[in-house]
Amino acid sequence: MSKNKQAIFLIIISVFFGTLMLTFLKLAQEEVNVYVAGFFRFLFGFLIILPYILKTKLTVFKTNHLKKHFFRAVLNLPSMLLYFSALVMLPIEKVTAISFVVPFFVTILAVLFLGEKIYIYRTLALILGFIGMIVILRPGIIDISIGVYMALASSLMWSVVIIITKSIAKDDSSITILSYGYTIMTILSFIIALFYWQTPSLQTLIYLFFAGLSGTLLHLCINHAYKLVDVSMTQPYSFLSLIFASLVGYYVFSETPDLLTWIGASIIFLGVFIMSYREMKLDKEIIRKRLDIKS
């Protein structure tokens, strides 16, 4: 399987697990506050990868980017907590839709700081995604709540985290990035949670465990995808999360997306389809040229 296809597959899988993580967190936050939920989400994620960390005898922490790992985790923590807070105030598909500003921030930052090229098909996919997001949010028509601002602030910080992840991923493995992130965020989130502690029930702990598991699989997939291809190429596929979130919102939380949400989602999906078709075709052309050279 080519790098492009591997990256596309990993991004789609990460989007699915990302939706599962949000679902379990939204269920958990019906009983506990965001700080406690955030701590247990990171703690369970850390415990899941701990056996591998111990198996490597801590060699997984070898890196030349210690400062970047620390800065990434410090920025990732408030990004996550703001996003989890927005989940309490807004329907899950609305929070997901707002996070679609991330690809635009990431693509711009990748061009400015990573020297990546933005091709016309990627640009078209991003434009369609933006139009779809505007249709869903309808700024100026629907009142913007504090939950929306939280989701936007989270998206901006997450965009910077993605760029840092891409720069680290050139040298460090996905599990190294994850190990540093979870170790630092577990410690920091525990300190914060102590001031707002609420003891979760067994059912809520189960929700938080599956949130941690889903989030771990999400980060492993997305970190590895960034090692394979340009960040800007992966971003349009994140728009698929709206489809997953809308289904979860309807069947789990009885949140019914309106017609314009589905119209916006259709526009977004069109952009993803165009992007996918072009990347696959481009990949085949590259392989064909290599074969011609060898022959």
Protein backbone atom coordinates (compact mmCIF):
# COMPACT_ATOMS: atom_id res chain seq x y z
CA MET A 1 0.00 0.00 0.00
CA SER A 2 1.36 3.44 -0.95
CA LYS A 3 2.07 6.17 1.60
CA ASN A 4 -0.88 8.27 0.41
CA LYS A 5 -3.31 5.37 0.80
CA GLN A 6 -1.89 4.44 4.19
CA ALA A 7 -2.21 8.03 5.40
CA ILE A 8 -5.80 8.35 4.13
CA PHE A 9 -6.75 5.09 5.84
CA LEU A 10 -5.12 6.15 9.12
CA ILE A 11 -6.80 9.57 9.09
CA ILE A 12 -10.25 8.05 8.51
CA ILE A 13 -9.66 5.54 11.34
CA SER A 14 -8.47 8.35 13.61
CA VAL A 15 -11.61 10.37 12.83
CA PHE A 16 -13.78 7.40 13.81
CA PHE A 17 -11.98 6.88 17.12
CA GLY A 18 -12.03 10.62 17.74
CA THR A 19 -15.83 10.57 17.54
CA LEU A 20 -15.95 7.61 19.93
CA MET A 21 -13.74 9.50 22.38
CA LEU A 22 -16.05 12.53 22.31
CA THR A 23 -19.09 10.31 22.77
CA PHE A 24 -17.73 8.64 25.90
CA LEU A 25 -16.51 11.97 27.29
CA LYS A 26 -19.90 13.59 26.77
CA LEU A 27 -21.53 10.68 28.62
CA ALA A 28 -18.98 10.90 31.44
CA GLN A 29 -19.44 14.64 31.85
CA GLU A 30 -23.06 14.11 32.75
CA GLU A 31 -21.66 13.18 36.20
CA VAL A 32 -18.18 14.73 36.58
CA ASN A 33 -16.65 18.05 35.59
CA VAL A 34 -14.29 18.58 32.67
CA TYR A 35 -11.12 18.60 34.80
CA VAL A 36 -11.80 15.20 36.37
CA ALA A 37 -12.95 13.78 33.02
CA GLY A 38 -9.81 15.13 31.34
CA PHE A 39 -7.52 13.65 34.00
CA PHE A 40 -9.00 10.15 33.79
CA ARG A 41 -9.02 10.28 29.99
CA PHE A 42 -5.27 11.00 29.98
CA LEU A 43 -4.56 8.61 32.87
CA PHE A 44 -6.25 5.65 31.17
CA GLY A 45 -4.50 6.52 27.91
CA PHE A 46 -1.17 6.51 29.76
CA LEU A 47 -1.92 3.18 31.47
CA ILE A 48 -2.78 1.61 28.11
CA ILE A 49 0.65 2.40 26.67
CA LEU A 50 2.56 1.91 29.95
CA PRO A 51 3.35 -1.81 29.31
CA TYR A 52 5.05 -0.85 26.05
CA ILE A 53 6.99 1.96 27.78
CA LEU A 54 8.23 -0.50 30.42
CA LYS A 55 9.04 -3.11 27.77
CA THR A 56 11.36 -0.65 26.04
CA LYS A 57 13.03 0.10 29.42
CA LEU A 58 12.14 3.77 28.90
CA THR A 59 14.16 3.98 25.67
CA VAL A 60 10.93 5.14 24.02
CA PHE A 61 11.64 8.52 25.64
CA LYS A 62 14.89 9.03 23.71
CA THR A 63 14.52 12.17 21.64
CA ASN A 64 16.29 15.25 20.35
CA HIS A 65 13.10 17.31 20.67
CA LEU A 66 12.50 17.41 24.43
CA LYS A 67 11.45 21.08 24.47
CA LYS A 68 9.03 20.55 21.59
CA HIS A 69 7.46 17.55 23.32
CA PHE A 70 6.95 19.58 26.49
CA PHE A 71 5.55 22.60 24.65
CA ARG A 72 3.27 20.34 22.61
CA ALA A 73 1.81 18.74 25.75
CA VAL A 74 1.42 22.05 27.58
CA LEU A 75 -0.51 23.46 24.61
CA ASN A 76 -2.46 20.26 24.03
CA LEU A 77 -3.87 20.16 27.57
CA PRO A 78 -5.88 23.44 27.46
CA SER A 79 -6.89 22.63 23.89
CA MET A 80 -8.41 19.35 25.05
CA LEU A 81 -10.05 20.82 28.17
CA LEU A 82 -11.68 23.63 26.18
CA TYR A 83 -12.93 21.11 23.63
CA PHE A 84 -14.32 18.83 26.36
CA SER A 85 -16.03 21.86 27.96
CA ALA A 86 -17.66 22.79 24.66
CA LEU A 87 -19.09 19.26 24.52
CA VAL A 88 -21.19 20.00 27.61
CA MET A 89 -22.67 23.16 26.09
CA LEU A 90 -23.21 22.17 22.46
CA PRO A 91 -24.50 19.19 20.47
CA ILE A 92 -21.69 16.84 19.50
CA GLU A 93 -22.10 17.45 15.75
CA LYS A 94 -21.96 21.24 16.34
CA VAL A 95 -18.68 20.97 18.26
CA THR A 96 -17.33 18.74 15.51
CA ALA A 97 -18.41 21.18 12.81
CA ILE A 98 -16.69 24.09 14.56
CA SER A 99 -13.46 22.09 14.74
CA PHE A 100 -13.42 22.14 10.93
CA VAL A 101 -11.54 25.44 11.12
CA VAL A 102 -8.51 23.31 12.07
CA PRO A 103 -7.65 22.26 8.48
CA PHE A 104 -7.54 25.90 7.39
CA PHE A 105 -5.28 26.93 10.28
CA VAL A 106 -3.08 23.85 9.77
CA THR A 107 -2.73 24.26 6.03
CA ILE A 108 -1.72 27.91 6.39
CA LEU A 109 0.72 27.13 9.22
CA ALA A 110 2.18 24.18 7.28
CA VAL A 111 2.89 26.43 4.30
CA LEU A 112 4.39 29.17 6.49
CA PHE A 113 6.49 27.06 8.89
CA LEU A 114 7.01 23.65 7.26
CA GLY A 115 7.50 24.80 3.67
CA GLU A 116 4.76 22.50 2.37
CA LYS A 117 3.11 23.13 -0.97
CA ILE A 118 -0.63 23.55 -1.28
CA TYR A 119 -1.98 22.16 -4.55
CA ILE A 120 -5.15 23.24 -6.33
CA TYR A 121 -7.11 20.09 -5.43
CA ARG A 122 -6.21 20.41 -1.77
CA THR A 123 -7.23 24.06 -1.91
CA LEU A 124 -10.55 23.18 -3.57
CA ALA A 125 -11.28 20.54 -0.92
CA LEU A 126 -10.53 23.03 1.87
CA ILE A 127 -12.72 25.71 0.26
CA LEU A 128 -15.63 23.28 -0.03
CA GLY A 129 -15.07 22.25 3.56
CA PHE A 130 -15.15 25.90 4.66
CA ILE A 131 -18.36 26.55 2.73
CA GLY A 132 -19.93 23.49 4.32
CA MET A 133 -18.91 24.71 7.78
CA ILE A 134 -20.45 28.16 7.14
CA VAL A 135 -23.71 26.50 6.08
CA ILE A 136 -23.73 24.50 9.31
CA LEU A 137 -22.84 27.36 11.69
CA ARG A 138 -24.69 30.18 9.89
CA PRO A 139 -22.77 33.04 11.58
CA GLY A 140 -24.93 36.12 12.03
CA ILE A 141 -28.09 34.03 11.86
CA ILE A 142 -27.56 31.79 14.88
CA ASP A 143 -26.30 33.29 18.16
CA ILE A 144 -22.73 32.36 19.03
CA SER A 145 -22.44 31.04 22.60
CA ILE A 146 -19.41 30.70 24.88
CA GLY A 147 -19.27 27.05 23.90
CA VAL A 148 -18.58 28.10 20.31
CA TYR A 149 -15.74 30.38 21.43
CA MET A 150 -14.28 27.54 23.51
CA ALA A 151 -14.37 25.20 20.51
CA LEU A 152 -12.73 27.85 18.28
CA ALA A 153 -9.96 28.56 20.81
CA SER A 154 -9.39 24.83 21.18
CA SER A 155 -9.16 24.45 17.39
CA LEU A 156 -6.55 27.20 17.11
CA MET A 157 -4.34 25.61 19.77
CA TRP A 158 -4.83 22.14 18.29
CA SER A 159 -3.68 23.46 14.92
CA VAL A 160 -0.38 24.54 16.46
CA VAL A 161 -0.11 21.13 18.18
CA ILE A 162 -0.49 19.43 14.78
CA ILE A 163 2.32 21.51 13.29
CA ILE A 164 4.60 20.71 16.24
CA THR A 165 3.68 17.03 15.90
CA LYS A 166 4.61 17.07 12.23
CA SER A 167 8.01 18.63 12.94
CA ILE A 168 8.73 16.06 15.68
CA ALA A 169 7.44 13.12 13.62
CA LYS A 170 10.33 13.48 11.19
CA ASP A 171 12.65 11.97 13.81
CA ASP A 172 10.50 10.43 16.56
CA SER A 173 8.08 7.51 16.37
CA SER A 174 4.33 7.79 16.95
CA ILE A 175 4.62 5.98 20.27
CA THR A 176 7.40 8.32 21.46
CA ILE A 177 5.25 11.34 20.72
CA LEU A 178 2.30 9.71 22.46
CA SER A 179 4.36 8.67 25.49
CA TYR A 180 5.63 12.18 26.11
CA GLY A 181 2.22 13.70 25.57
CA TYR A 182 0.35 11.35 27.87
CA THR A 183 2.99 11.43 30.61
CA ILE A 184 3.09 15.22 30.80
CA MET A 185 -0.67 15.75 30.36
CA THR A 186 -1.55 13.14 32.99
CA ILE A 187 0.63 14.90 35.57
CA LEU A 188 -0.61 18.40 34.72
CA SER A 189 -4.29 17.40 34.48
CA PHE A 190 -4.07 15.63 37.87
CA ILE A 191 -2.78 18.80 39.53
CA ILE A 192 -5.67 20.79 38.05
CA ALA A 193 -8.28 18.11 38.86
CA LEU A 194 -7.30 18.11 42.55
CA PHE A 195 -8.84 21.57 42.93
CA TYR A 196 -12.16 20.47 41.38
CA TRP A 197 -12.27 16.81 42.42
CA GLN A 198 -15.41 14.72 41.96
CA THR A 199 -15.31 10.95 42.45
CA PRO A 200 -16.78 9.21 39.39
CA SER A 201 -19.05 6.17 39.61
CA LEU A 202 -18.03 2.82 38.13
CA GLN A 203 -20.15 3.44 35.03
CA THR A 204 -18.51 6.82 34.45
CA LEU A 205 -15.07 5.27 34.94
CA ILE A 206 -15.93 2.75 32.23
CA TYR A 207 -16.91 5.62 29.92
CA LEU A 208 -13.62 7.36 30.69
CA PHE A 209 -11.62 4.19 30.10
CA PHE A 210 -13.09 3.80 26.63
CA ALA A 211 -12.52 7.52 26.03
CA GLY A 212 -8.86 6.96 26.91
CA LEU A 213 -8.64 3.89 24.67
CA SER A 214 -10.30 5.65 21.73
CA GLY A 215 -8.14 8.73 22.20
CA THR A 216 -4.98 6.61 22.28
CA LEU A 217 -5.86 4.88 19.02
CA LEU A 218 -6.76 8.28 17.55
CA HIS A 219 -3.35 9.76 18.36
CA LEU A 220 -1.39 6.69 17.26
CA CYS A 221 -3.10 6.74 13.86
CA ILE A 222 -2.84 10.48 13.32
CA ASN A 223 0.79 10.75 14.49
CA HIS A 224 1.84 7.98 12.09
CA ALA A 225 -0.11 9.57 9.23
CA TYR A 226 1.91 12.77 9.72
CA LYS A 227 5.11 10.76 9.21
CA LEU A 228 3.89 9.53 5.81
CA VAL A 229 2.55 12.61 4.01
CA ASP A 230 2.21 16.39 4.15
CA VAL A 231 -0.04 17.70 6.93
CA SER A 232 -2.10 19.73 4.44
CA MET A 233 -2.95 16.57 2.50
CA THR A 234 -4.46 14.86 5.54
CA GLN A 235 -6.67 17.69 6.76
CA PRO A 236 -9.70 17.51 4.40
CA TYR A 237 -10.41 13.97 5.60
CA SER A 238 -11.10 15.26 9.10
CA PHE A 239 -14.37 16.63 7.70
CA LEU A 240 -15.73 13.07 7.74
CA SER A 241 -16.02 13.38 11.52
CA LEU A 242 -19.23 15.36 11.06
CA ILE A 243 -20.92 12.33 9.53
CA PHE A 244 -19.87 10.13 12.46
CA ALA A 245 -20.77 12.83 15.02
CA SER A 246 -24.22 13.42 13.52
CA LEU A 247 -25.01 9.70 13.67
CA VAL A 248 -23.83 9.47 17.29
CA GLY A 249 -25.71 12.64 18.23
CA TYR A 250 -28.92 11.23 16.79
CA TYR A 251 -28.74 7.67 18.09
CA VAL A 252 -27.01 8.24 21.46
CA PHE A 253 -28.00 11.75 22.58
CA SER A 254 -31.26 12.21 20.60
CA GLU A 255 -29.78 15.31 18.95
CA THR A 256 -31.40 15.78 15.56
CA PRO A 257 -29.24 17.69 13.05
CA ASP A 258 -31.26 20.12 10.95
CA LEU A 259 -31.44 20.08 7.15
CA LEU A 260 -28.73 22.72 6.71
CA THR A 261 -26.33 20.64 8.81
CA TRP A 262 -26.75 17.76 6.39
CA ILE A 263 -26.44 20.06 3.37
CA GLY A 264 -23.20 21.41 4.83
CA ALA A 265 -22.00 17.87 5.50
CA SER A 266 -22.73 16.93 1.87
CA ILE A 267 -20.65 19.86 0.61
CA ILE A 268 -17.82 18.81 2.92
CA PHE A 269 -18.00 15.22 1.74
CA LEU A 270 -17.81 16.40 -1.88
CA GLY A 271 -14.53 18.15 -1.08
CA VAL A 272 -13.17 15.01 0.56
CA PHE A 273 -14.21 12.89 -2.44
CA ILE A 274 -12.48 15.23 -4.91
CA MET A 275 -9.37 15.25 -2.75
CA SER A 276 -9.31 11.48 -2.41
CA TYR A 277 -9.78 10.86 -6.14
CA ARG A 278 -6.99 13.27 -7.09
CA GLU A 279 -4.51 11.90 -4.53
CA MET A 280 -5.13 8.32 -5.67
CA LYS A 281 -4.72 9.31 -9.33
CA LEU A 282 -1.55 11.27 -8.58
CA ASP A 283 -0.13 8.31 -6.69
CA LYS A 284 -0.78 5.99 -9.65
CA GLU A 285 0.90 8.45 -12.03
CA ILE A 286 4.00 8.54 -9.83
CA ILE A 287 4.16 4.73 -9.69
CA ARG A 288 3.68 4.50 -13.47
CA LYS A 289 6.55 6.93 -14.07
CA ARG A 290 8.83 4.91 -11.81
CA LEU A 291 7.98 1.75 -13.73
CA ASP A 292 8.67 3.50 -17.04
CA ILE A 293 12.07 4.63 -15.75
CA LYS A 294 12.98 1.11 -14.59
CA SER A 295 11.90 -0.42 -17.89
